[in-house]
Amino acid sequence: MKRKIGLLTLLGVFCLTIWANPDDICGVWLDDNKDGKTLFYKKAEGKYEAQLIWLADSLDSSGKPLRDKRNPDKAQRNDLLIGKNVMQMDWSEEEQCYILHYAYDPKWGMTGTGKMWVKGDVMTIKAGKWGIRVTRTMDRVE
């Protein structure tokens, strides 16, 4: 009996994976530190982007909107953080996940690559650079 239940559970998980909807990523997500919201949207078929739309602390000490002062590209250091494109990804049907081609963390001024998964209202991001790997989660808010 336990074997049949295990087999049915495995079959159910397999069916959910096969029928994953790549557009499940679209919407507004709150990061695991609860200090930033990111809007994920469809750019083209199978291609998605994300932009920073809210920060808990969005003003500098003089009351002006935060700028991207840690960006490795000096030409972008005066860009506003709110509205900044922070991720670009493609849906991989074969791997049933999003392949993250570009992920930018303005707190550190670093970019990286990785993979992303969405299960219900939780997104898991595994990304890194130079052998340093980070796992983050985000919760859907809209």
Protein backbone atom coordinates (compact mmCIF):
# COMPACT_ATOMS: atom_id res chain seq x y z
CA MET A 1 0.00 0.00 0.00
CA LYS A 2 2.81 2.44 0.94
CA ARG A 3 4.48 1.68 -2.38
CA LYS A 4 1.29 2.57 -4.30
CA ILE A 5 0.91 5.84 -2.40
CA GLY A 6 4.55 6.69 -3.07
CA LEU A 7 4.11 5.92 -6.77
CA LEU A 8 0.95 8.04 -6.98
CA THR A 9 2.69 10.92 -5.21
CA LEU A 10 5.64 10.70 -7.60
CA LEU A 11 3.26 10.61 -10.58
CA GLY A 12 1.41 13.68 -9.26
CA VAL A 13 4.65 15.65 -8.85
CA PHE A 14 5.74 14.59 -12.35
CA CYS A 15 2.43 15.76 -13.85
CA LEU A 16 2.69 19.12 -12.08
CA THR A 17 6.21 19.55 -13.44
CA ILE A 18 5.17 18.70 -16.99
CA TRP A 19 2.32 21.20 -16.86
CA ALA A 20 4.32 24.03 -15.30
CA ASN A 21 3.25 27.40 -16.64
CA PRO A 22 6.27 29.61 -17.41
CA ASP A 23 4.14 32.75 -16.92
CA ASP A 24 3.75 31.83 -13.22
CA ILE A 25 6.74 34.08 -12.59
CA CYS A 26 4.87 37.19 -13.73
CA GLY A 27 3.81 39.53 -10.94
CA VAL A 28 5.23 41.38 -7.96
CA TRP A 29 7.52 39.54 -5.52
CA LEU A 30 8.88 40.56 -2.10
CA ASP A 31 12.47 39.55 -1.33
CA ASP A 32 13.37 37.42 1.67
CA ASN A 33 14.74 40.45 3.57
CA LYS A 34 11.32 42.14 3.16
CA ASP A 35 13.01 45.33 1.96
CA GLY A 36 12.47 45.22 -1.79
CA LYS A 37 9.75 44.38 -4.33
CA THR A 38 10.50 43.25 -7.86
CA LEU A 39 8.14 43.14 -10.82
CA PHE A 40 8.65 40.11 -13.08
CA TYR A 41 7.16 40.36 -16.56
CA LYS A 42 7.17 38.59 -19.90
CA LYS A 43 9.42 40.25 -22.48
CA ALA A 44 8.84 37.78 -25.34
CA GLU A 45 7.84 34.13 -25.68
CA GLY A 46 9.88 32.24 -23.07
CA LYS A 47 11.85 35.37 -22.10
CA TYR A 48 11.31 37.30 -18.87
CA GLU A 49 12.76 40.32 -17.11
CA ALA A 50 12.49 41.81 -13.65
CA GLN A 51 12.68 45.36 -12.43
CA LEU A 52 13.02 46.79 -8.95
CA ILE A 53 9.81 48.70 -8.11
CA TRP A 54 9.97 49.35 -4.34
CA LEU A 55 12.56 49.63 -1.58
CA ALA A 56 11.84 50.00 2.13
CA ASP A 57 14.58 52.64 2.25
CA SER A 58 14.41 54.32 -1.14
CA LEU A 59 15.85 57.71 -0.17
CA ASP A 60 19.42 58.70 0.60
CA SER A 61 20.47 60.79 3.62
CA SER A 62 19.57 64.02 1.79
CA GLY A 63 16.05 62.79 0.96
CA LYS A 64 16.75 62.11 -2.73
CA PRO A 65 15.93 58.82 -4.49
CA LEU A 66 18.69 56.21 -4.19
CA ARG A 67 21.11 55.91 -7.09
CA ASP A 68 22.97 52.82 -8.26
CA LYS A 69 26.25 54.00 -6.71
CA ARG A 70 27.83 50.51 -6.48
CA ASN A 71 27.28 49.56 -10.13
CA PRO A 72 30.51 48.19 -11.64
CA ASP A 73 29.70 50.18 -14.79
CA LYS A 74 30.60 53.76 -13.86
CA ALA A 75 28.22 55.09 -16.54
CA GLN A 76 25.25 53.58 -14.61
CA ARG A 77 26.14 54.83 -11.12
CA ASN A 78 23.80 57.81 -11.43
CA ASP A 79 20.82 55.63 -12.50
CA LEU A 80 17.85 55.45 -10.13
CA LEU A 81 17.49 52.12 -8.32
CA ILE A 82 13.69 52.14 -8.57
CA GLY A 83 12.90 51.04 -12.12
CA LYS A 84 16.27 49.33 -12.60
CA ASN A 85 16.30 46.11 -14.61
CA VAL A 86 17.77 43.55 -12.20
CA MET A 87 17.15 40.17 -13.89
CA GLN A 88 16.83 38.57 -17.31
CA MET A 89 15.84 34.95 -17.69
CA ASP A 90 14.56 32.35 -20.16
CA TRP A 91 12.18 29.48 -19.45
CA SER A 92 13.78 26.07 -20.06
CA GLU A 93 11.14 23.50 -20.95
CA GLU A 94 13.74 20.75 -20.71
CA GLU A 95 14.86 21.69 -17.18
CA GLN A 96 11.45 23.02 -16.04
CA CYS A 97 13.04 26.13 -14.55
CA TYR A 98 14.14 29.62 -15.50
CA ILE A 99 17.72 30.05 -16.65
CA LEU A 100 18.94 33.28 -15.11
CA HIS A 101 21.30 34.96 -17.57
CA TYR A 102 21.62 38.18 -15.62
CA ALA A 103 20.99 38.92 -11.97
CA TYR A 104 22.07 42.19 -10.40
CA ASP A 105 22.23 42.93 -6.68
CA PRO A 106 22.50 46.71 -6.21
CA LYS A 107 23.39 46.31 -2.51
CA TRP A 108 26.66 44.70 -3.52
CA GLY A 109 27.01 46.02 -7.05
CA MET A 110 27.46 42.48 -8.34
CA THR A 111 26.00 40.47 -11.19
CA GLY A 112 25.64 36.72 -11.49
CA THR A 113 23.86 33.88 -13.28
CA GLY A 114 21.86 30.89 -12.10
CA LYS A 115 18.46 29.20 -12.07
CA MET A 116 15.03 29.98 -10.65
CA TRP A 117 11.97 27.94 -9.71
CA VAL A 118 8.42 28.97 -8.83
CA LYS A 119 6.24 26.74 -6.68
CA GLY A 120 2.95 28.37 -5.78
CA ASP A 121 3.68 31.74 -4.24
CA VAL A 122 7.37 31.08 -3.49
CA MET A 123 10.25 31.69 -5.87
CA THR A 124 13.67 30.15 -5.24
CA ILE A 125 16.71 31.75 -6.85
CA LYS A 126 20.10 30.04 -6.93
CA ALA A 127 22.72 32.30 -8.44
CA GLY A 128 26.37 33.07 -8.16
CA LYS A 129 29.63 34.27 -9.59
CA TRP A 130 33.26 33.24 -9.18
CA GLY A 131 32.28 30.09 -7.33
CA ILE A 132 30.24 31.95 -4.71
CA ARG A 133 26.65 30.61 -4.74
CA VAL A 134 23.67 32.22 -3.03
CA THR A 135 20.14 30.88 -2.55
CA ARG A 136 17.37 33.43 -2.03
CA THR A 137 13.60 33.20 -1.90
CA MET A 138 10.87 35.66 -2.78
CA ASP A 139 7.18 35.63 -1.91
CA ARG A 140 4.45 36.66 -4.33
CA VAL A 141 2.59 39.78 -3.22
CA GLU A 142 0.58 40.53 -6.40
